[in-house]
């Protein structure tokens, strides 16, 4: 493995390609250059029949406003009287000056190993946990609200098109994000209640080895849940992350869609500009009329138009009902029928409709390159701290110190919590079970068992340990 990790870039790419699904010639041809189409301002909106609403323009990116036709679907369906919470626009100004650290000096002895087990200083972290990163996938949840409404109108095709756009949109926040999230402690949780977006989200770390995070989200007419385990490979110049797990979306009318994420790689760890890429095939399986196949094209060294995504919607007979194209960090579009393999000058593509457009970057950027939405997820809004369980990521001291720019304290707290985390595997071996999730019978999939929001309403957090505090001497496991 050491020899493979230090091999040439060409050998690295061969290894990654071997792990990816083989492509047919037809699939290769489907990747026409989208630059001309994505730079056009003449796209039709797929939501023209909905009316517009008024909302603060400063908050438009957080509520699905201004994405396609100037208004999020929640505001369309619920009117303008739905209150929303003003959230912060920037992180706190750092208290200390940060000292840089060489990544290569930290990981050079771990080629071929699982980097999730390598302890790194907080310089390489962003002030979010993996539990909160899961919630970032819901940034454009208005697409699911929209999908629900289309289904109610009897339009199953528009429903799955919006589901596909949602599945792609979760990758948009990764552009320029090179720092790793904090690895949650066993039993660590995170909640997000965004009444302005019409959803509430909950996640918990349910296993330490392997590291598994489970989540559950309730929206307007839909539920979304899943668990995730990342398998990592370090190739010397790059890190490859292969997600393991299934995401499930269920609408209130019983229609269900399931899919798994594609491979992510981070390149140029030693020399050059760091960048990440997502590639592979994503299949969205439906239990009714339609299913979807999305192909994330892997970026080559000389690729001048990266991040391309192309896909098709098929009915139960295998007939192609629509073609999708776009870029995971910009937008997604569709045309009716089979337009795969047709490029510039193709008449059908001139009729393309836009499904989703990525939000604008924040006015106050940080070195973490957090999106406007990501800046809000670790915020302790007024009165929230007193209502949270002691396991919530917002209360994690090393993460909070990093957000505040208290770097020395953040490193000290991280070392302390890593010492505590070493107890986690022993706890798991002795029968520890997650508080809010349980495995489905006959499978390794975790499902939310309920009770969290009811406990919060009562202020009853019995059974939720103070996982971020000091370990009492009588609780240390030898």
Protein backbone atom coordinates (compact mmCIF):
# COMPACT_ATOMS: atom_id res chain seq x y z
CA UNK A 1 0.00 0.00 0.00
CA UNK A 2 2.90 2.33 0.72
CA UNK A 3 4.22 1.81 -2.80
CA UNK A 4 0.80 2.48 -4.30
CA UNK A 5 0.45 5.66 -2.29
CA UNK A 6 3.73 7.03 -3.58
CA UNK A 7 3.10 6.09 -7.19
CA UNK A 8 2.82 8.57 -10.04
CA UNK A 9 -0.24 10.72 -10.63
CA UNK A 10 -1.19 8.52 -13.58
CA UNK A 11 -1.22 5.44 -11.36
CA UNK A 12 -3.30 7.33 -8.80
CA UNK A 13 -5.88 8.12 -11.45
CA UNK A 14 -5.92 4.50 -12.64
CA UNK A 15 -6.68 3.32 -9.11
CA UNK A 16 -9.53 5.79 -8.80
CA UNK A 17 -10.93 4.88 -12.19
CA UNK A 18 -10.83 1.18 -11.32
CA UNK A 19 -12.96 1.90 -8.27
CA UNK A 20 -15.48 3.93 -10.24
CA UNK A 21 -18.21 2.48 -12.40
CA UNK A 22 -17.17 1.85 -15.99
CA UNK A 23 -18.73 4.19 -18.52
CA UNK A 24 -20.26 3.27 -21.84
CA UNK A 25 -19.43 5.18 -25.00
CA UNK A 26 -22.91 6.70 -24.92
CA UNK A 27 -22.35 8.04 -21.41
CA UNK A 28 -19.02 9.55 -22.43
CA UNK A 29 -20.62 11.29 -25.38
CA UNK A 30 -23.28 12.77 -23.13
CA UNK A 31 -20.71 15.14 -21.64
CA UNK A 32 -20.94 17.91 -24.19
CA UNK A 33 -19.42 21.20 -23.05
CA UNK A 34 -22.01 23.08 -20.99
CA UNK A 35 -20.18 26.41 -20.84
CA UNK A 36 -22.23 28.08 -23.56
CA UNK A 37 -25.51 26.89 -22.10
CA UNK A 38 -24.76 27.79 -18.48
CA UNK A 39 -23.64 31.30 -19.42
CA UNK A 40 -26.97 32.03 -21.07
CA UNK A 41 -29.48 34.25 -19.27
CA UNK A 42 -32.41 33.13 -21.40
CA UNK A 43 -33.34 29.96 -19.52
CA UNK A 44 -36.99 29.40 -18.78
CA UNK A 45 -38.16 28.97 -15.22
CA UNK A 46 -39.91 25.75 -14.28
CA UNK A 47 -41.86 27.63 -11.59
CA UNK A 48 -43.54 30.40 -13.57
CA UNK A 49 -47.01 29.65 -12.27
CA UNK A 50 -46.14 30.48 -8.66
CA UNK A 51 -46.51 34.04 -7.40
CA UNK A 52 -43.72 36.09 -5.83
CA UNK A 53 -43.44 37.17 -2.19
CA UNK A 54 -41.62 39.88 -0.29
CA UNK A 55 -38.62 39.06 1.91
CA UNK A 56 -35.45 40.79 3.10
CA UNK A 57 -32.97 40.65 0.23
CA UNK A 58 -30.07 40.16 2.66
CA UNK A 59 -31.56 36.83 3.71
CA UNK A 60 -32.64 35.65 0.27
CA UNK A 61 -29.95 32.96 -0.02
CA UNK A 62 -31.05 31.29 3.23
CA UNK A 63 -34.69 30.85 2.34
CA UNK A 64 -34.62 29.73 -1.27
CA UNK A 65 -35.38 33.21 -2.52
CA UNK A 66 -33.78 34.47 -5.69
CA UNK A 67 -32.80 30.98 -6.80
CA UNK A 68 -34.93 30.61 -9.92
CA UNK A 69 -37.85 32.96 -10.11
CA UNK A 70 -37.16 35.24 -7.16
CA UNK A 71 -38.96 33.32 -4.44
CA UNK A 72 -38.63 30.09 -2.50
CA UNK A 73 -41.37 27.49 -2.72
CA UNK A 74 -42.11 27.72 0.99
CA UNK A 75 -43.07 31.36 0.57
CA UNK A 76 -45.07 30.49 -2.54
CA UNK A 77 -47.18 27.90 -0.81
CA UNK A 78 -47.54 29.57 2.58
CA UNK A 79 -47.73 33.23 1.64
CA UNK A 80 -45.85 36.16 3.14
CA UNK A 81 -46.99 35.86 6.77
CA UNK A 82 -44.60 33.02 7.61
CA UNK A 83 -42.09 34.44 10.09
CA UNK A 84 -38.39 33.83 9.65
CA UNK A 85 -35.41 34.13 11.95
CA UNK A 86 -32.67 36.63 11.19
CA UNK A 87 -29.37 34.81 11.35
CA UNK A 88 -25.79 35.96 11.40
CA UNK A 89 -24.01 36.98 8.20
CA UNK A 90 -20.41 36.39 9.39
CA UNK A 91 -18.29 34.49 11.90
CA UNK A 92 -16.87 36.28 14.96
CA UNK A 93 -13.64 38.20 14.39
CA UNK A 94 -10.70 36.01 15.51
CA UNK A 95 -9.20 36.84 18.90
CA UNK A 96 -5.72 35.50 18.08
CA UNK A 97 -3.52 35.45 15.00
CA UNK A 98 -3.44 32.01 13.43
CA UNK A 99 -0.18 30.13 12.85
CA UNK A 100 0.08 28.06 9.69
CA UNK A 101 1.02 24.37 9.70
CA UNK A 102 2.26 22.18 6.84
CA UNK A 103 -0.29 19.51 5.97
CA UNK A 104 2.37 17.31 4.41
CA UNK A 105 4.40 17.32 7.63
CA UNK A 106 1.35 15.97 9.45
CA UNK A 107 0.29 13.22 7.04
CA UNK A 108 3.47 12.06 5.26
CA UNK A 109 3.79 9.04 7.55
CA UNK A 110 0.20 7.96 6.93
CA UNK A 111 0.21 7.18 3.20
CA UNK A 112 -2.22 4.35 2.50
CA UNK A 113 -3.89 4.67 5.90
CA UNK A 114 -7.37 5.76 6.95
CA UNK A 115 -6.97 9.49 7.57
CA UNK A 116 -10.12 9.60 9.68
CA UNK A 117 -7.98 8.05 12.43
CA UNK A 118 -5.15 10.59 12.12
CA UNK A 119 -5.17 13.34 14.77
CA UNK A 120 -4.53 16.77 13.24
CA UNK A 121 -4.29 20.20 14.92
CA UNK A 122 -7.32 22.48 14.66
CA UNK A 123 -5.60 24.48 11.91
CA UNK A 124 -6.89 21.83 9.50
CA UNK A 125 -10.45 21.93 10.84
CA UNK A 126 -13.36 24.17 9.99
CA UNK A 127 -15.62 25.24 12.90
CA UNK A 128 -18.31 22.67 12.09
CA UNK A 129 -18.81 19.01 12.97
CA UNK A 130 -19.63 16.19 10.56
CA UNK A 131 -23.14 16.25 12.03
CA UNK A 132 -23.56 19.85 10.92
CA UNK A 133 -22.07 19.10 7.51
CA UNK A 134 -24.94 16.65 7.02
CA UNK A 135 -27.37 19.50 7.55
CA UNK A 136 -25.65 21.53 4.84
CA UNK A 137 -27.13 19.08 2.33
CA UNK A 138 -30.51 20.62 3.20
CA UNK A 139 -29.49 24.15 2.23
CA UNK A 140 -31.74 24.05 -0.83
CA UNK A 141 -34.61 22.20 0.84
CA UNK A 142 -37.07 24.40 -1.04
CA UNK A 143 -36.47 22.01 -3.96
CA UNK A 144 -38.14 19.26 -1.92
CA UNK A 145 -41.01 21.59 -1.01
CA UNK A 146 -41.38 22.26 -4.70
CA UNK A 147 -41.19 18.54 -5.53
CA UNK A 148 -43.96 17.86 -3.02
CA UNK A 149 -46.19 20.49 -4.63
CA UNK A 150 -45.58 19.14 -8.14
CA UNK A 151 -46.55 15.67 -6.94
CA UNK A 152 -49.77 17.03 -5.46
CA UNK A 153 -50.54 18.50 -8.87
CA UNK A 154 -50.06 15.04 -10.40
CA UNK A 155 -46.80 15.87 -12.17
CA UNK A 156 -44.43 13.05 -11.23
CA UNK A 157 -41.83 14.09 -13.79
CA UNK A 158 -41.38 17.56 -12.31
CA UNK A 159 -41.24 15.98 -8.87
CA UNK A 160 -38.26 13.75 -9.66
CA UNK A 161 -36.54 16.54 -11.60
CA UNK A 162 -36.58 18.68 -8.46
CA UNK A 163 -35.44 15.72 -6.36
CA UNK A 164 -32.50 15.25 -8.75
CA UNK A 165 -31.63 18.95 -8.51
CA UNK A 166 -31.71 18.64 -4.72
CA UNK A 167 -29.38 15.62 -4.80
CA UNK A 168 -26.87 17.63 -6.85
CA UNK A 169 -27.24 20.87 -4.86
CA UNK A 170 -25.75 19.34 -1.72
CA UNK A 171 -22.34 19.34 -3.38
CA UNK A 172 -22.31 23.06 -4.12
CA UNK A 173 -21.15 24.00 -0.62
CA UNK A 174 -17.95 21.95 -1.02
CA UNK A 175 -16.34 24.23 -3.61
CA UNK A 176 -13.28 25.86 -2.03
CA UNK A 177 -13.80 23.99 1.27
CA UNK A 178 -10.47 22.33 2.12
CA UNK A 179 -10.65 22.07 5.91
CA UNK A 180 -12.08 18.95 7.53
CA UNK A 181 -15.06 19.05 9.91
CA UNK A 182 -14.61 17.95 13.50
CA UNK A 183 -15.08 14.24 14.08
CA UNK A 184 -18.05 14.01 16.48
CA UNK A 185 -17.73 12.24 19.80
CA UNK A 186 -19.74 9.07 20.27
CA UNK A 187 -23.28 10.16 21.15
CA UNK A 188 -22.74 13.74 19.96
CA UNK A 189 -25.85 15.29 18.39
CA UNK A 190 -26.93 18.30 16.39
CA UNK A 191 -30.35 19.84 15.91
CA UNK A 192 -31.48 22.49 13.46
CA UNK A 193 -34.96 23.96 13.68
CA UNK A 194 -35.52 26.43 10.84
CA UNK A 195 -39.23 27.34 10.91
CA UNK A 196 -38.48 29.90 8.21
CA UNK A 197 -37.46 27.03 5.91
CA UNK A 198 -40.27 24.82 7.19
CA UNK A 199 -37.98 22.07 8.45
CA UNK A 200 -36.33 20.58 11.48
CA UNK A 201 -33.26 18.36 11.33
CA UNK A 202 -31.54 16.07 13.79
CA UNK A 203 -28.34 14.01 13.61
CA UNK A 204 -26.34 11.79 15.96
CA UNK A 205 -23.03 9.94 15.84
CA UNK A 206 -24.20 6.35 16.26
CA UNK A 207 -20.92 4.43 15.87
CA UNK A 208 -17.25 5.20 16.49
CA UNK A 209 -15.58 2.36 14.54
CA UNK A 210 -16.71 2.50 11.84
CA UNK A 211 -17.58 6.19 12.18
CA UNK A 212 -21.27 6.46 11.27
CA UNK A 213 -23.49 9.53 11.42
CA UNK A 214 -27.28 9.18 11.16
CA UNK A 215 -29.73 11.98 10.39
CA UNK A 216 -33.46 12.62 10.10
CA UNK A 217 -35.24 15.67 8.71
CA UNK A 218 -38.91 16.67 8.50
CA UNK A 219 -40.09 19.22 5.95
CA UNK A 220 -43.28 20.43 4.31
CA UNK A 221 -44.85 17.22 3.05
CA UNK A 222 -41.67 15.13 3.16
CA UNK A 223 -39.18 13.30 5.37
CA UNK A 224 -35.51 12.72 4.63
CA UNK A 225 -33.16 10.37 6.45
CA UNK A 226 -30.01 8.32 6.11
CA UNK A 227 -26.70 7.30 7.61
CA UNK A 228 -23.21 7.82 6.28
CA UNK A 229 -19.81 6.21 6.69
CA UNK A 230 -16.82 7.56 4.75
CA UNK A 231 -14.11 5.17 3.64
CA UNK A 232 -10.94 7.11 2.90
CA UNK A 233 -7.80 6.32 0.92
CA UNK A 234 -4.68 8.45 0.98
CA UNK A 235 -2.73 8.32 -2.29
CA UNK A 236 0.11 10.68 -1.42
CA UNK A 237 -1.01 13.57 -3.61
CA UNK A 238 -4.72 13.10 -3.03
CA UNK A 239 -7.35 11.77 -0.64
CA UNK A 240 -10.26 9.69 -1.93
CA UNK A 241 -13.51 9.56 0.08
CA UNK A 242 -16.06 6.87 -0.75
CA UNK A 243 -19.45 7.34 0.99
CA UNK A 244 -21.19 4.22 2.26
CA UNK A 245 -24.90 4.49 3.00
CA UNK A 246 -28.31 5.16 1.48
CA UNK A 247 -30.31 8.39 1.62
CA UNK A 248 -34.10 8.09 1.65
CA UNK A 249 -36.70 10.72 0.78
CA UNK A 250 -40.37 9.97 1.46
CA UNK A 251 -43.24 12.25 0.53
CA UNK A 252 -46.45 12.30 2.54
CA UNK A 253 -48.31 10.68 -0.36
CA UNK A 254 -46.10 7.58 -0.09
CA UNK A 255 -43.70 8.17 -2.97
CA UNK A 256 -40.14 7.24 -2.02
CA UNK A 257 -36.76 7.97 -3.61
CA UNK A 258 -33.43 6.50 -2.57
CA UNK A 259 -29.86 7.21 -3.65
CA UNK A 260 -26.22 7.06 -2.55
CA UNK A 261 -23.55 9.73 -2.85
CA UNK A 262 -20.68 9.67 -5.35
CA UNK A 263 -16.93 9.60 -4.71
CA UNK A 264 -15.13 12.74 -3.54
CA UNK A 265 -11.39 13.37 -3.93
CA UNK A 266 -9.16 16.19 -2.70
CA UNK A 267 -6.09 16.89 -4.85
CA UNK A 268 -2.72 18.68 -4.62
CA UNK A 269 -2.03 17.96 -0.98
CA UNK A 270 1.69 18.62 -1.43
CA UNK A 271 2.09 21.12 -4.27
CA UNK A 272 -0.32 23.31 -6.19
CA UNK A 273 -3.74 24.66 -5.36
CA UNK A 274 -5.94 22.37 -3.30
CA UNK A 275 -9.24 21.47 -4.93
CA UNK A 276 -11.95 18.86 -4.54
CA UNK A 277 -13.95 16.98 -7.14
CA UNK A 278 -16.96 14.69 -7.11
CA UNK A 279 -17.33 11.92 -9.67
CA UNK A 280 -19.21 8.71 -10.39
CA UNK A 281 -22.78 7.64 -11.06
CA UNK A 282 -25.70 8.47 -8.79
CA UNK A 283 -28.89 6.47 -9.24
CA UNK A 284 -32.10 7.84 -7.74
CA UNK A 285 -34.54 4.95 -7.50
CA UNK A 286 -38.25 5.71 -7.18
CA UNK A 287 -41.04 3.39 -6.09
CA UNK A 288 -43.52 4.68 -8.67
CA UNK A 289 -43.20 5.91 -12.23
CA UNK A 290 -39.75 7.50 -12.56
CA UNK A 291 -36.11 6.94 -11.71
CA UNK A 292 -33.00 9.00 -12.46
CA UNK A 293 -29.35 8.42 -13.34
CA UNK A 294 -26.86 11.25 -12.84
CA UNK A 295 -23.27 11.12 -14.03
CA UNK A 296 -20.74 13.36 -12.27
CA UNK A 297 -17.84 13.81 -14.66
CA UNK A 298 -14.37 13.53 -13.13
CA UNK A 299 -12.24 16.59 -13.70
CA UNK A 300 -9.06 16.07 -15.72
CA UNK A 301 -5.85 18.07 -15.34
CA UNK A 302 -6.53 20.05 -18.52
CA UNK A 303 -10.30 20.34 -18.05
CA UNK A 304 -11.33 23.96 -18.65
CA UNK A 305 -14.98 23.32 -17.78
CA UNK A 306 -15.05 21.17 -14.63
CA UNK A 307 -17.84 20.01 -12.29
CA UNK A 308 -20.20 18.86 -15.05
CA UNK A 309 -23.23 16.72 -14.24
CA UNK A 310 -25.46 15.06 -16.82
CA UNK A 311 -28.40 12.76 -16.30
CA UNK A 312 -31.59 11.22 -17.57
CA UNK A 313 -35.05 10.58 -16.16
CA UNK A 314 -36.58 7.24 -17.19
CA UNK A 315 -40.12 5.97 -16.78
CA UNK A 316 -40.89 2.44 -15.62
CA UNK A 317 -40.58 1.18 -19.22
CA UNK A 318 -37.08 2.60 -19.60
CA UNK A 319 -38.12 5.45 -21.89
CA UNK A 320 -36.16 8.67 -21.36
CA UNK A 321 -38.62 11.37 -20.26
CA UNK A 322 -36.13 14.19 -19.64
CA UNK A 323 -32.44 15.05 -19.82
CA UNK A 324 -30.58 17.00 -17.13
CA UNK A 325 -27.33 18.92 -17.38
CA UNK A 326 -25.41 21.46 -15.36
CA UNK A 327 -22.60 21.86 -12.86
CA UNK A 328 -22.69 20.85 -9.23
CA UNK A 329 -21.32 24.21 -8.08
CA UNK A 330 -23.52 26.40 -10.31
CA UNK A 331 -26.93 25.21 -11.53
CA UNK A 332 -29.00 22.38 -13.00
CA UNK A 333 -31.27 22.49 -16.06
CA UNK A 334 -33.50 20.08 -17.93
CA UNK A 335 -35.15 19.52 -21.28
CA UNK A 336 -37.95 17.12 -22.10
CA UNK A 337 -37.05 13.94 -23.92
CA UNK A 338 -33.71 12.35 -24.78
CA UNK A 339 -31.10 14.98 -25.60
CA UNK A 340 -28.01 13.09 -24.45
CA UNK A 341 -25.09 13.48 -26.79
CA UNK A 342 -26.44 16.66 -28.37
CA UNK A 343 -24.18 19.65 -27.90
CA UNK A 344 -23.86 23.24 -28.99
CA UNK A 345 -26.36 24.23 -31.65
CA UNK A 346 -28.89 21.61 -30.62
CA UNK A 347 -32.37 23.06 -30.89
CA UNK A 348 -33.89 21.07 -27.98
CA UNK A 349 -31.26 22.43 -25.57
CA UNK A 350 -32.30 25.97 -26.42
CA UNK A 351 -35.60 25.08 -24.73
CA UNK A 352 -33.88 24.19 -21.45
CA UNK A 353 -35.51 25.16 -18.14
CA UNK A 354 -33.57 25.95 -15.00
CA UNK A 355 -34.26 23.88 -11.87
CA UNK A 356 -31.72 25.20 -9.39
CA UNK A 357 -29.08 27.89 -9.13
CA UNK A 358 -26.37 28.09 -6.47
CA UNK A 359 -26.63 30.96 -4.00
CA UNK A 360 -24.22 33.88 -3.88
CA UNK A 361 -21.09 33.72 -1.68
CA UNK A 362 -21.17 35.61 1.64
CA UNK A 363 -20.22 39.27 1.79
CA UNK A 364 -17.79 38.48 4.62
CA UNK A 365 -15.74 35.47 3.47
CA UNK A 366 -13.40 33.53 5.77
CA UNK A 367 -10.50 31.21 5.07
CA UNK A 368 -12.92 28.31 5.57
CA UNK A 369 -14.97 29.42 2.53
CA UNK A 370 -18.24 28.74 4.32
CA UNK A 371 -21.43 29.49 2.42
CA UNK A 372 -23.99 31.96 3.78
CA UNK A 373 -25.99 29.01 5.00
CA UNK A 374 -23.01 27.24 6.61
CA UNK A 375 -22.17 30.40 8.58
CA UNK A 376 -25.51 30.01 10.38
CA UNK A 377 -25.44 26.34 11.39
CA UNK A 378 -23.16 26.68 14.44
CA UNK A 379 -24.79 29.88 15.67
CA UNK A 380 -26.23 30.02 19.18
CA UNK A 381 -29.26 32.20 18.58
CA UNK A 382 -30.73 33.99 21.65
CA UNK A 383 -32.20 31.54 24.16
CA UNK A 384 -31.07 28.43 22.29
CA UNK A 385 -28.16 27.35 24.50
CA UNK A 386 -30.42 26.78 27.52
CA UNK A 387 -32.69 24.48 25.50
CA UNK A 388 -30.04 22.25 23.93
CA UNK A 389 -29.00 18.84 25.26
CA UNK A 390 -25.41 18.63 26.59
CA UNK A 391 -24.52 16.54 23.52
CA UNK A 392 -25.14 19.23 20.88
CA UNK A 393 -22.21 20.17 18.60
CA UNK A 394 -22.74 23.88 19.30
CA UNK A 395 -21.58 23.24 22.87
CA UNK A 396 -18.35 21.49 21.85
CA UNK A 397 -15.57 23.68 23.35
CA UNK A 398 -12.76 23.09 20.81
CA UNK A 399 -15.07 23.85 17.92
CA UNK A 400 -16.45 26.97 19.61
CA UNK A 401 -12.92 28.20 20.41
CA UNK A 402 -11.88 27.70 16.79
CA UNK A 403 -14.89 29.70 15.60
CA UNK A 404 -13.95 32.51 18.01
CA UNK A 405 -10.32 32.48 16.87
CA UNK A 406 -8.97 31.21 20.21
CA UNK A 407 -6.57 28.79 18.55
CA UNK A 408 -4.38 27.76 21.50
CA UNK A 409 -7.41 26.96 23.63
CA UNK A 410 -9.01 25.14 20.69
CA UNK A 411 -5.98 22.87 20.33
CA UNK A 412 -5.87 22.17 24.06
CA UNK A 413 -9.58 21.30 24.14
CA UNK A 414 -9.25 19.13 21.04
CA UNK A 415 -6.48 17.10 22.66
CA UNK A 416 -8.58 16.71 25.82
CA UNK A 417 -11.63 15.54 23.90
CA UNK A 418 -9.56 13.15 21.78
CA UNK A 419 -8.38 11.56 25.01
CA UNK A 420 -12.02 11.19 26.00
CA UNK A 421 -12.85 9.81 22.57
CA UNK A 422 -10.40 6.96 23.13
CA UNK A 423 -12.91 5.66 25.65
CA UNK A 424 -15.60 5.52 22.97
CA UNK A 425 -14.50 2.30 21.29
CA UNK A 426 -14.38 0.52 24.63
CA UNK A 427 -17.84 1.87 25.43
CA UNK A 428 -19.14 0.58 22.09
CA UNK A 429 -17.59 -2.84 22.65
CA UNK A 430 -19.36 -3.00 26.00
CA UNK A 431 -22.79 -2.54 24.44
CA UNK A 432 -23.22 1.22 24.15
CA UNK A 433 -26.26 2.16 22.03
CA UNK A 434 -27.25 5.48 20.43
CA UNK A 435 -29.94 7.50 22.21
CA UNK A 436 -32.12 8.57 19.28
CA UNK A 437 -31.49 6.05 16.49
CA UNK A 438 -31.64 2.27 16.19
CA UNK A 439 -30.76 -0.25 13.51
CA UNK A 440 -33.55 -1.55 11.31
CA UNK A 441 -34.20 -5.23 11.80
CA UNK A 442 -32.15 -7.34 9.46
CA UNK A 443 -30.01 -4.46 8.19
CA UNK A 444 -27.21 -2.11 9.20
CA UNK A 445 -29.30 0.99 8.43
CA UNK A 446 -30.12 3.34 11.30
CA UNK A 447 -33.59 4.87 11.70
CA UNK A 448 -34.76 7.67 13.96
CA UNK A 449 -36.83 6.20 16.81
CA UNK A 450 -38.41 9.51 17.82
CA UNK A 451 -38.64 11.42 21.06
CA UNK A 452 -35.99 14.11 20.58
CA UNK A 453 -38.27 17.07 19.89
CA UNK A 454 -40.68 15.96 22.60
CA UNK A 455 -37.79 15.84 25.09
CA UNK A 456 -36.72 19.32 24.04
CA UNK A 457 -40.23 20.68 24.53
CA UNK A 458 -40.26 19.28 28.07
CA UNK A 459 -36.66 20.31 28.76
CA UNK A 460 -35.97 16.73 29.82
CA UNK A 461 -32.51 15.56 28.81
CA UNK A 462 -32.25 12.61 31.20
CA UNK A 463 -29.97 10.01 29.70
CA UNK A 464 -27.95 12.58 27.73
CA UNK A 465 -24.45 12.62 29.25
CA UNK A 466 -22.15 15.64 29.46
CA UNK A 467 -19.85 14.28 26.75
CA UNK A 468 -17.78 17.46 26.48
CA UNK A 469 -16.97 17.70 30.20
CA UNK A 470 -14.20 16.10 32.23
CA UNK A 471 -14.31 12.32 32.64
CA UNK A 472 -14.98 11.35 36.26
CA UNK A 473 -12.29 9.00 37.56
CA UNK A 474 -14.77 6.20 38.25
CA UNK A 475 -15.95 6.26 34.60
CA UNK A 476 -12.54 5.77 32.96
CA UNK A 477 -12.46 2.42 31.17
CA UNK A 478 -9.13 0.61 31.23
